[in-house]
Amino acid sequence: MMAEIYGRVDGLCKGLGGSMHLTDVKRGSSAPQASWAPVFRTRRRGLAAQIRKKGEIVYCFFGDGASKQGAFHETLNIASLWKLPVIFVMENNATTS
């Protein structure tokens, strides 16, 4: 992953994806954005993991700004109700607005 961020040929995407599009065919992808979209997509990935029944766990890392969106709360509710294998990790970026 670090090789990809530094643009090296031995990176996950041969150094072409940069930090915005980290992709590993076996493990999935990461698209850090300053919005609720990654959190919202996590719900779908969690449901897919649950359906596959292979013991997979989905991790979702996001900043505190994403928690101000309605879709964030909807995602937490659905993940809880459906008992999806998802772990949400919020980073405090000290968002003030």
PDB file of N, CA and C in Angstrom:
ATOM      1  N   MET A   1       0.822  -1.186   0.000  1.00  0.00           N
ATOM      2  CA  MET A   1       0.000   0.000   0.000  1.00  0.00           C
ATOM      3  C   MET A   1       0.872   1.257   0.000  1.00  0.00           C
ATOM      4  N   MET A   2       1.897   1.242   0.815  1.00  0.00           N
ATOM      5  CA  MET A   2       2.773   2.416   0.863  1.00  0.00           C
ATOM      6  C   MET A   2       3.513   2.600  -0.462  1.00  0.00           C
ATOM      7  N   ALA A   3       3.865   1.491  -1.114  1.00  0.00           N
ATOM      8  CA  ALA A   3       4.531   1.591  -2.412  1.00  0.00           C
ATOM      9  C   ALA A   3       3.620   2.283  -3.423  1.00  0.00           C
ATOM     10  N   GLU A   4       2.335   1.999  -3.341  1.00  0.00           N
ATOM     11  CA  GLU A   4       1.369   2.641  -4.251  1.00  0.00           C
ATOM     12  C   GLU A   4       1.294   4.142  -3.974  1.00  0.00           C
ATOM     13  N   ILE A   5       1.216   4.505  -2.704  1.00  0.00           N
ATOM     14  CA  ILE A   5       1.127   5.914  -2.333  1.00  0.00           C
ATOM     15  C   ILE A   5       2.343   6.689  -2.820  1.00  0.00           C
ATOM     16  N   TYR A   6       3.516   6.038  -2.788  1.00  0.00           N
ATOM     17  CA  TYR A   6       4.745   6.687  -3.254  1.00  0.00           C
ATOM     18  C   TYR A   6       4.950   6.563  -4.760  1.00  0.00           C
ATOM     19  N   GLY A   7       3.984   5.980  -5.470  1.00  0.00           N
ATOM     20  CA  GLY A   7       4.054   5.891  -6.924  1.00  0.00           C
ATOM     21  C   GLY A   7       5.053   4.883  -7.445  1.00  0.00           C
ATOM     22  N   ARG A   8       5.353   3.875  -6.652  1.00  0.00           N
ATOM     23  CA  ARG A   8       6.329   2.877  -7.070  1.00  0.00           C
ATOM     24  C   ARG A   8       5.681   1.779  -7.913  1.00  0.00           C
ATOM     25  N   VAL A   9       6.462   1.186  -8.773  1.00  0.00           N
ATOM     26  CA  VAL A   9       5.978   0.142  -9.675  1.00  0.00           C
ATOM     27  C   VAL A   9       5.490  -1.086  -8.918  1.00  0.00           C
ATOM     28  N   ASP A  10       6.026  -1.345  -7.731  1.00  0.00           N
ATOM     29  CA  ASP A  10       5.604  -2.516  -6.965  1.00  0.00           C
ATOM     30  C   ASP A  10       4.374  -2.220  -6.098  1.00  0.00           C
ATOM     31  N   GLY A  11       3.700  -1.101  -6.328  1.00  0.00           N
ATOM     32  CA  GLY A  11       2.476  -0.766  -5.611  1.00  0.00           C
ATOM     33  C   GLY A  11       1.298  -1.604  -6.065  1.00  0.00           C
ATOM     34  N   LEU A  12       0.201  -1.524  -5.336  1.00  0.00           N
ATOM     35  CA  LEU A  12      -0.993  -2.310  -5.632  1.00  0.00           C
ATOM     36  C   LEU A  12      -1.504  -2.089  -7.053  1.00  0.00           C
ATOM     37  N   CYS A  13      -1.406  -0.878  -7.538  1.00  0.00           N
ATOM     38  CA  CYS A  13      -1.865  -0.547  -8.897  1.00  0.00           C
ATOM     39  C   CYS A  13      -0.692  -0.082  -9.759  1.00  0.00           C
ATOM     40  N   LYS A  14       0.471  -0.638  -9.476  1.00  0.00           N
ATOM     41  CA  LYS A  14       1.685  -0.308 -10.233  1.00  0.00           C
ATOM     42  C   LYS A  14       2.073   1.164 -10.107  1.00  0.00           C
ATOM     43  N   GLY A  15       1.645   1.811  -9.020  1.00  0.00           N
ATOM     44  CA  GLY A  15       1.986   3.206  -8.791  1.00  0.00           C
ATOM     45  C   GLY A  15       1.095   4.202  -9.505  1.00  0.00           C
ATOM     46  N   LEU A  16       0.043   3.718 -10.187  1.00  0.00           N
ATOM     47  CA  LEU A  16      -0.811   4.610 -10.967  1.00  0.00           C
ATOM     48  C   LEU A  16      -2.037   5.111 -10.208  1.00  0.00           C
ATOM     49  N   GLY A  17      -2.417   4.446  -9.136  1.00  0.00           N
ATOM     50  CA  GLY A  17      -3.627   4.817  -8.411  1.00  0.00           C
ATOM     51  C   GLY A  17      -3.423   5.924  -7.392  1.00  0.00           C
ATOM     52  N   GLY A  18      -2.227   6.028  -6.859  1.00  0.00           N
ATOM     53  CA  GLY A  18      -1.975   7.027  -5.829  1.00  0.00           C
ATOM     54  C   GLY A  18      -2.708   6.697  -4.544  1.00  0.00           C
ATOM     55  N   SER A  19      -2.915   7.692  -3.692  1.00  0.00           N
ATOM     56  CA  SER A  19      -3.559   7.454  -2.407  1.00  0.00           C
ATOM     57  C   SER A  19      -5.084   7.436  -2.498  1.00  0.00           C
ATOM     58  N   MET A  20      -5.625   7.918  -3.598  1.00  0.00           N
ATOM     59  CA  MET A  20      -7.084   7.986  -3.710  1.00  0.00           C
ATOM     60  C   MET A  20      -7.724   6.675  -4.158  1.00  0.00           C
ATOM     61  N   HIS A  21      -6.967   5.799  -4.793  1.00  0.00           N
ATOM     62  CA  HIS A  21      -7.560   4.572  -5.318  1.00  0.00           C
ATOM     63  C   HIS A  21      -6.666   3.382  -5.027  1.00  0.00           C
ATOM     64  N   LEU A  22      -6.606   2.994  -3.766  1.00  0.00           N
ATOM     65  CA  LEU A  22      -5.821   1.839  -3.366  1.00  0.00           C
ATOM     66  C   LEU A  22      -6.661   0.591  -3.584  1.00  0.00           C
ATOM     67  N   THR A  23      -6.201  -0.306  -4.416  1.00  0.00           N
ATOM     68  CA  THR A  23      -6.969  -1.498  -4.748  1.00  0.00           C
ATOM     69  C   THR A  23      -6.090  -2.735  -4.654  1.00  0.00           C
ATOM     70  N   ASP A  24      -6.599  -3.727  -3.964  1.00  0.00           N
ATOM     71  CA  ASP A  24      -5.969  -5.035  -3.906  1.00  0.00           C
ATOM     72  C   ASP A  24      -7.042  -6.027  -4.329  1.00  0.00           C
ATOM     73  N   VAL A  25      -6.791  -6.760  -5.389  1.00  0.00           N
ATOM     74  CA  VAL A  25      -7.807  -7.647  -5.961  1.00  0.00           C
ATOM     75  C   VAL A  25      -8.352  -8.620  -4.931  1.00  0.00           C
ATOM     76  N   LYS A  26      -7.516  -9.110  -4.035  1.00  0.00           N
ATOM     77  CA  LYS A  26      -7.951 -10.095  -3.048  1.00  0.00           C
ATOM     78  C   LYS A  26      -8.627  -9.467  -1.835  1.00  0.00           C
ATOM     79  N   ARG A  27      -8.283  -8.225  -1.522  1.00  0.00           N
ATOM     80  CA  ARG A  27      -8.767  -7.630  -0.276  1.00  0.00           C
ATOM     81  C   ARG A  27      -9.774  -6.499  -0.461  1.00  0.00           C
ATOM     82  N   GLY A  28      -9.909  -5.975  -1.665  1.00  0.00           N
ATOM     83  CA  GLY A  28     -10.850  -4.886  -1.888  1.00  0.00           C
ATOM     84  C   GLY A  28     -10.154  -3.587  -2.190  1.00  0.00           C
ATOM     85  N   SER A  29     -10.895  -2.495  -2.029  1.00  0.00           N
ATOM     86  CA  SER A  29     -10.335  -1.208  -2.399  1.00  0.00           C
ATOM     87  C   SER A  29     -10.635  -0.159  -1.344  1.00  0.00           C
ATOM     88  N   SER A  30      -9.948   0.949  -1.468  1.00  0.00           N
ATOM     89  CA  SER A  30     -10.130   2.071  -0.565  1.00  0.00           C
ATOM     90  C   SER A  30     -10.178   3.346  -1.399  1.00  0.00           C
ATOM     91  N   ALA A  31     -11.165   4.171  -1.153  1.00  0.00           N
ATOM     92  CA  ALA A  31     -11.260   5.440  -1.862  1.00  0.00           C
ATOM     93  C   ALA A  31     -11.547   6.537  -0.845  1.00  0.00           C
ATOM     94  N   PRO A  32     -10.505   7.058  -0.177  1.00  0.00           N
ATOM     95  CA  PRO A  32     -10.739   8.088   0.836  1.00  0.00           C
ATOM     96  C   PRO A  32     -11.317   9.358   0.217  1.00  0.00           C
ATOM     97  N   GLN A  33     -12.434   9.787   0.738  1.00  0.00           N
ATOM     98  CA  GLN A  33     -13.104  10.988   0.255  1.00  0.00           C
ATOM     99  C   GLN A  33     -13.647  11.731   1.452  1.00  0.00           C
ATOM    100  N   ALA A  34     -13.815  13.006   1.287  1.00  0.00           N
ATOM    101  CA  ALA A  34     -14.367  13.803   2.382  1.00  0.00           C
ATOM    102  C   ALA A  34     -15.880  13.857   2.251  1.00  0.00           C
ATOM    103  N   SER A  35     -16.509  12.710   2.325  1.00  0.00           N
ATOM    104  CA  SER A  35     -17.967  12.658   2.227  1.00  0.00           C
ATOM    105  C   SER A  35     -18.473  11.384   2.871  1.00  0.00           C
ATOM    106  N   TRP A  36     -19.763  11.153   2.772  1.00  0.00           N
ATOM    107  CA  TRP A  36     -20.397   9.976   3.360  1.00  0.00           C
ATOM    108  C   TRP A  36     -20.284   8.761   2.451  1.00  0.00           C
ATOM    109  N   ALA A  37     -19.855   8.933   1.198  1.00  0.00           N
ATOM    110  CA  ALA A  37     -19.870   7.840   0.217  1.00  0.00           C
ATOM    111  C   ALA A  37     -19.143   6.582   0.689  1.00  0.00           C
ATOM    112  N   PRO A  38     -17.928   6.662   1.251  1.00  0.00           N
ATOM    113  CA  PRO A  38     -17.274   5.431   1.696  1.00  0.00           C
ATOM    114  C   PRO A  38     -18.075   4.703   2.771  1.00  0.00           C
ATOM    115  N   VAL A  39     -18.679   5.451   3.669  1.00  0.00           N
ATOM    116  CA  VAL A  39     -19.483   4.838   4.724  1.00  0.00           C
ATOM    117  C   VAL A  39     -20.696   4.151   4.113  1.00  0.00           C
ATOM    118  N   PHE A  40     -21.336   4.805   3.172  1.00  0.00           N
ATOM    119  CA  PHE A  40     -22.530   4.272   2.526  1.00  0.00           C
ATOM    120  C   PHE A  40     -22.191   2.991   1.758  1.00  0.00           C
ATOM    121  N   ARG A  41     -21.049   2.982   1.060  1.00  0.00           N
ATOM    122  CA  ARG A  41     -20.636   1.791   0.309  1.00  0.00           C
ATOM    123  C   ARG A  41     -20.285   0.639   1.233  1.00  0.00           C
ATOM    124  N   THR A  42     -19.866   0.928   2.429  1.00  0.00           N
ATOM    125  CA  THR A  42     -19.497  -0.112   3.384  1.00  0.00           C
ATOM    126  C   THR A  42     -20.669  -1.018   3.675  1.00  0.00           C
ATOM    127  N   ARG A  43     -21.865  -0.458   3.715  1.00  0.00           N
ATOM    128  CA  ARG A  43     -23.055  -1.261   3.979  1.00  0.00           C
ATOM    129  C   ARG A  43     -23.206  -2.356   2.927  1.00  0.00           C
ATOM    130  N   ARG A  44     -23.005  -1.995   1.657  1.00  0.00           N
ATOM    131  CA  ARG A  44     -23.122  -2.990   0.583  1.00  0.00           C
ATOM    132  C   ARG A  44     -22.035  -4.056   0.696  1.00  0.00           C
ATOM    133  N   ARG A  45     -20.812  -3.625   1.020  1.00  0.00           N
ATOM    134  CA  ARG A  45     -19.724  -4.594   1.153  1.00  0.00           C
ATOM    135  C   ARG A  45     -19.961  -5.515   2.352  1.00  0.00           C
ATOM    136  N   GLY A  46     -20.512  -4.965   3.419  1.00  0.00           N
ATOM    137  CA  GLY A  46     -20.830  -5.780   4.591  1.00  0.00           C
ATOM    138  C   GLY A  46     -21.899  -6.810   4.284  1.00  0.00           C
ATOM    139  N   LEU A  47     -22.904  -6.418   3.526  1.00  0.00           N
ATOM    140  CA  LEU A  47     -23.958  -7.351   3.141  1.00  0.00           C
ATOM    141  C   LEU A  47     -23.387  -8.456   2.254  1.00  0.00           C
ATOM    142  N   ALA A  48     -22.516  -8.091   1.327  1.00  0.00           N
ATOM    143  CA  ALA A  48     -21.879  -9.090   0.458  1.00  0.00           C
ATOM    144  C   ALA A  48     -21.070 -10.079   1.291  1.00  0.00           C
ATOM    145  N   ALA A  49     -20.335  -9.570   2.275  1.00  0.00           N
ATOM    146  CA  ALA A  49     -19.534 -10.441   3.147  1.00  0.00           C
ATOM    147  C   ALA A  49     -20.436 -11.378   3.933  1.00  0.00           C
ATOM    148  N   GLN A  50     -21.570 -10.867   4.394  1.00  0.00           N
ATOM    149  CA  GLN A  50     -22.505 -11.693   5.152  1.00  0.00           C
ATOM    150  C   GLN A  50     -23.088 -12.798   4.272  1.00  0.00           C
ATOM    151  N   ILE A  51     -23.432 -12.470   3.048  1.00  0.00           N
ATOM    152  CA  ILE A  51     -24.007 -13.448   2.120  1.00  0.00           C
ATOM    153  C   ILE A  51     -22.988 -14.533   1.773  1.00  0.00           C
ATOM    154  N   ARG A  52     -21.714 -14.152   1.587  1.00  0.00           N
ATOM    155  CA  ARG A  52     -20.674 -15.128   1.225  1.00  0.00           C
ATOM    156  C   ARG A  52     -20.383 -16.118   2.345  1.00  0.00           C
ATOM    157  N   LYS A  53     -20.630 -15.733   3.598  1.00  0.00           N
ATOM    158  CA  LYS A  53     -20.431 -16.597   4.771  1.00  0.00           C
ATOM    159  C   LYS A  53     -19.027 -17.201   4.837  1.00  0.00           C
ATOM    160  N   LYS A  54     -18.017 -16.352   4.632  1.00  0.00           N
ATOM    161  CA  LYS A  54     -16.635 -16.818   4.708  1.00  0.00           C
ATOM    162  C   LYS A  54     -15.894 -16.204   5.902  1.00  0.00           C
ATOM    163  N   GLY A  55     -16.620 -15.596   6.814  1.00  0.00           N
ATOM    164  CA  GLY A  55     -15.990 -15.005   7.993  1.00  0.00           C
ATOM    165  C   GLY A  55     -15.295 -13.687   7.724  1.00  0.00           C
ATOM    166  N   GLU A  56     -15.648 -13.020   6.635  1.00  0.00           N
ATOM    167  CA  GLU A  56     -15.026 -11.740   6.292  1.00  0.00           C
ATOM    168  C   GLU A  56     -15.555 -10.624   7.189  1.00  0.00           C
ATOM    169  N   ILE A  57     -14.707  -9.649   7.439  1.00  0.00           N
ATOM    170  CA  ILE A  57     -15.100  -8.459   8.192  1.00  0.00           C
ATOM    171  C   ILE A  57     -14.734  -7.247   7.354  1.00  0.00           C
ATOM    172  N   VAL A  58     -15.634  -6.281   7.292  1.00  0.00           N
ATOM    173  CA  VAL A  58     -15.404  -5.055   6.537  1.00  0.00           C
ATOM    174  C   VAL A  58     -15.060  -3.946   7.525  1.00  0.00           C
ATOM    175  N   TYR A  59     -13.974  -3.233   7.257  1.00  0.00           N
ATOM    176  CA  TYR A  59     -13.563  -2.099   8.079  1.00  0.00           C
ATOM    177  C   TYR A  59     -13.839  -0.819   7.317  1.00  0.00           C
ATOM    178  N   CYS A  60     -14.404   0.162   7.998  1.00  0.00           N
ATOM    179  CA  CYS A  60     -14.686   1.447   7.373  1.00  0.00           C
ATOM    180  C   CYS A  60     -14.036   2.545   8.219  1.00  0.00           C
ATOM    181  N   PHE A  61     -13.045   3.213   7.647  1.00  0.00           N
ATOM    182  CA  PHE A  61     -12.372   4.322   8.309  1.00  0.00           C
ATOM    183  C   PHE A  61     -12.876   5.622   7.688  1.00  0.00           C
ATOM    184  N   PHE A  62     -13.264   6.581   8.507  1.00  0.00           N
ATOM    185  CA  PHE A  62     -13.809   7.830   7.996  1.00  0.00           C
ATOM    186  C   PHE A  62     -13.555   8.946   8.999  1.00  0.00           C
ATOM    187  N   GLY A  63     -13.603  10.163   8.516  1.00  0.00           N
ATOM    188  CA  GLY A  63     -13.421  11.325   9.373  1.00  0.00           C
ATOM    189  C   GLY A  63     -14.719  11.736  10.038  1.00  0.00           C
ATOM    190  N   ASP A  64     -14.618  12.565  11.050  1.00  0.00           N
ATOM    191  CA  ASP A  64     -15.813  12.971  11.788  1.00  0.00           C
ATOM    192  C   ASP A  64     -16.780  13.786  10.932  1.00  0.00           C
ATOM    193  N   GLY A  65     -16.301  14.400   9.871  1.00  0.00           N
ATOM    194  CA  GLY A  65     -17.193  15.157   8.990  1.00  0.00           C
ATOM    195  C   GLY A  65     -18.237  14.277   8.326  1.00  0.00           C
ATOM    196  N   ALA A  66     -17.893  13.030   8.052  1.00  0.00           N
ATOM    197  CA  ALA A  66     -18.843  12.103   7.421  1.00  0.00           C
ATOM    198  C   ALA A  66     -20.001  11.777   8.356  1.00  0.00           C
ATOM    199  N   SER A  67     -19.790  11.902   9.657  1.00  0.00           N
ATOM    200  CA  SER A  67     -20.845  11.551  10.609  1.00  0.00           C
ATOM    201  C   SER A  67     -21.961  12.588  10.661  1.00  0.00           C
ATOM    202  N   LYS A  68     -21.806  13.689   9.953  1.00  0.00           N
ATOM    203  CA  LYS A  68     -22.835  14.734   9.956  1.00  0.00           C
ATOM    204  C   LYS A  68     -23.862  14.534   8.850  1.00  0.00           C
ATOM    205  N   GLN A  69     -23.706  13.480   8.077  1.00  0.00           N
ATOM    206  CA  GLN A  69     -24.619  13.207   6.964  1.00  0.00           C
ATOM    207  C   GLN A  69     -25.689  12.213   7.407  1.00  0.00           C
ATOM    208  N   GLY A  70     -26.870  12.364   6.883  1.00  0.00           N
ATOM    209  CA  GLY A  70     -27.953  11.443   7.206  1.00  0.00           C
ATOM    210  C   GLY A  70     -27.659  10.018   6.793  1.00  0.00           C
ATOM    211  N   ALA A  71     -26.980   9.849   5.650  1.00  0.00           N
ATOM    212  CA  ALA A  71     -26.657   8.510   5.160  1.00  0.00           C
ATOM    213  C   ALA A  71     -25.751   7.761   6.137  1.00  0.00           C
ATOM    214  N   PHE A  72     -24.952   8.490   6.893  1.00  0.00           N
ATOM    215  CA  PHE A  72     -24.087   7.857   7.891  1.00  0.00           C
ATOM    216  C   PHE A  72     -24.944   7.161   8.946  1.00  0.00           C
ATOM    217  N   HIS A  73     -25.943   7.854   9.454  1.00  0.00           N
ATOM    218  CA  HIS A  73     -26.803   7.282  10.486  1.00  0.00           C
ATOM    219  C   HIS A  73     -27.653   6.144   9.937  1.00  0.00           C
ATOM    220  N   GLU A  74     -28.110   6.286   8.703  1.00  0.00           N
ATOM    221  CA  GLU A  74     -28.862   5.206   8.059  1.00  0.00           C
ATOM    222  C   GLU A  74     -27.993   3.957   7.935  1.00  0.00           C
ATOM    223  N   THR A  75     -26.745   4.162   7.554  1.00  0.00           N
ATOM    224  CA  THR A  75     -25.824   3.036   7.389  1.00  0.00           C
ATOM    225  C   THR A  75     -25.587   2.329   8.711  1.00  0.00           C
ATOM    226  N   LEU A  76     -25.380   3.087   9.784  1.00  0.00           N
ATOM    227  CA  LEU A  76     -25.183   2.463  11.101  1.00  0.00           C
ATOM    228  C   LEU A  76     -26.422   1.682  11.525  1.00  0.00           C
ATOM    229  N   ASN A  77     -27.596   2.252  11.293  1.00  0.00           N
ATOM    230  CA  ASN A  77     -28.835   1.567  11.665  1.00  0.00           C
ATOM    231  C   ASN A  77     -29.015   0.263  10.908  1.00  0.00           C
ATOM    232  N   ILE A  78     -28.831   0.304   9.595  1.00  0.00           N
ATOM    233  CA  ILE A  78     -28.999  -0.901   8.785  1.00  0.00           C
ATOM    234  C   ILE A  78     -27.951  -1.949   9.151  1.00  0.00           C
ATOM    235  N   ALA A  79     -26.693  -1.515   9.316  1.00  0.00           N
ATOM    236  CA  ALA A  79     -25.632  -2.451   9.681  1.00  0.00           C
ATOM    237  C   ALA A  79     -25.943  -3.145  11.005  1.00  0.00           C
ATOM    238  N   SER A  80     -26.526  -2.403  11.922  1.00  0.00           N
ATOM    239  CA  SER A  80     -26.892  -2.971  13.219  1.00  0.00           C
ATOM    240  C   SER A  80     -28.090  -3.913  13.095  1.00  0.00           C
ATOM    241  N   LEU A  81     -29.139  -3.461  12.422  1.00  0.00           N
ATOM    242  CA  LEU A  81     -30.336  -4.287  12.270  1.00  0.00           C
ATOM    243  C   LEU A  81     -30.069  -5.591  11.534  1.00  0.00           C
ATOM    244  N   TRP A  82     -29.255  -5.517  10.484  1.00  0.00           N
ATOM    245  CA  TRP A  82     -28.953  -6.704   9.680  1.00  0.00           C
ATOM    246  C   TRP A  82     -27.774  -7.495  10.231  1.00  0.00           C
ATOM    247  N   LYS A  83     -27.170  -6.998  11.335  1.00  0.00           N
ATOM    248  CA  LYS A  83     -26.023  -7.640  11.967  1.00  0.00           C
ATOM    249  C   LYS A  83     -24.904  -7.897  10.955  1.00  0.00           C
ATOM    250  N   LEU A  84     -24.570  -6.852  10.213  1.00  0.00           N
ATOM    251  CA  LEU A  84     -23.529  -6.955   9.199  1.00  0.00           C
ATOM    252  C   LEU A  84     -22.156  -7.008   9.843  1.00  0.00           C
ATOM    253  N   PRO A  85     -21.211  -7.746   9.246  1.00  0.00           N
ATOM    254  CA  PRO A  85     -19.853  -7.843   9.801  1.00  0.00           C
ATOM    255  C   PRO A  85     -19.017  -6.623   9.438  1.00  0.00           C
ATOM    256  N   VAL A  86     -19.370  -5.476  10.023  1.00  0.00           N
ATOM    257  CA  VAL A  86     -18.707  -4.213   9.694  1.00  0.00           C
ATOM    258  C   VAL A  86     -18.198  -3.561  10.969  1.00  0.00           C
ATOM    259  N   ILE A  87     -16.983  -3.043  10.905  1.00  0.00           N
ATOM    260  CA  ILE A  87     -16.417  -2.275  12.015  1.00  0.00           C
ATOM    261  C   ILE A  87     -16.199  -0.856  11.505  1.00  0.00           C
ATOM    262  N   PHE A  88     -16.846   0.106  12.141  1.00  0.00           N
ATOM    263  CA  PHE A  88     -16.725   1.517  11.764  1.00  0.00           C
ATOM    264  C   PHE A  88     -15.703   2.188  12.672  1.00  0.00           C
ATOM    265  N   VAL A  89     -14.741   2.878  12.065  1.00  0.00           N
ATOM    266  CA  VAL A  89     -13.692   3.562  12.832  1.00  0.00           C
ATOM    267  C   VAL A  89     -13.706   5.028  12.430  1.00  0.00           C
ATOM    268  N   MET A  90     -14.093   5.905  13.362  1.00  0.00           N
ATOM    269  CA  MET A  90     -14.156   7.337  13.061  1.00  0.00           C
ATOM    270  C   MET A  90     -12.910   8.033  13.597  1.00  0.00           C
ATOM    271  N   GLU A  91     -12.282   8.829  12.732  1.00  0.00           N
ATOM    272  CA  GLU A  91     -11.118   9.615  13.120  1.00  0.00           C
ATOM    273  C   GLU A  91     -11.575  11.032  13.432  1.00  0.00           C
ATOM    274  N   ASN A  92     -11.146  11.557  14.556  1.00  0.00           N
ATOM    275  CA  ASN A  92     -11.512  12.920  14.939  1.00  0.00           C
ATOM    276  C   ASN A  92     -10.604  13.897  14.207  1.00  0.00           C
ATOM    277  N   ASN A  93     -11.130  14.524  13.176  1.00  0.00           N
ATOM    278  CA  ASN A  93     -10.374  15.516  12.414  1.00  0.00           C
ATOM    279  C   ASN A  93     -10.632  16.927  12.914  1.00  0.00           C
ATOM    280  N   ALA A  94     -11.334  17.034  14.024  1.00  0.00           N
ATOM    281  CA  ALA A  94     -11.665  18.315  14.646  1.00  0.00           C
ATOM    282  C   ALA A  94     -12.442  19.224  13.693  1.00  0.00           C
ATOM    283  N   THR A  95     -13.410  18.630  13.017  1.00  0.00           N
ATOM    284  CA  THR A  95     -14.268  19.413  12.128  1.00  0.00           C
ATOM    285  C   THR A  95     -15.131  20.338  12.968  1.00  0.00           C
ATOM    286  N   THR A  96     -15.154  21.608  12.624  1.00  0.00           N
ATOM    287  CA  THR A  96     -15.880  22.578  13.434  1.00  0.00           C
ATOM    288  C   THR A  96     -17.162  23.065  12.793  1.00  0.00           C
ATOM    289  N   SER A  97     -17.314  22.893  11.491  1.00  0.00           N
ATOM    290  CA  SER A  97     -18.515  23.440  10.841  1.00  0.00           C
ATOM    291  C   SER A  97     -19.642  22.448  10.815  1.00  0.00           C
TER     292      SER A  97
END
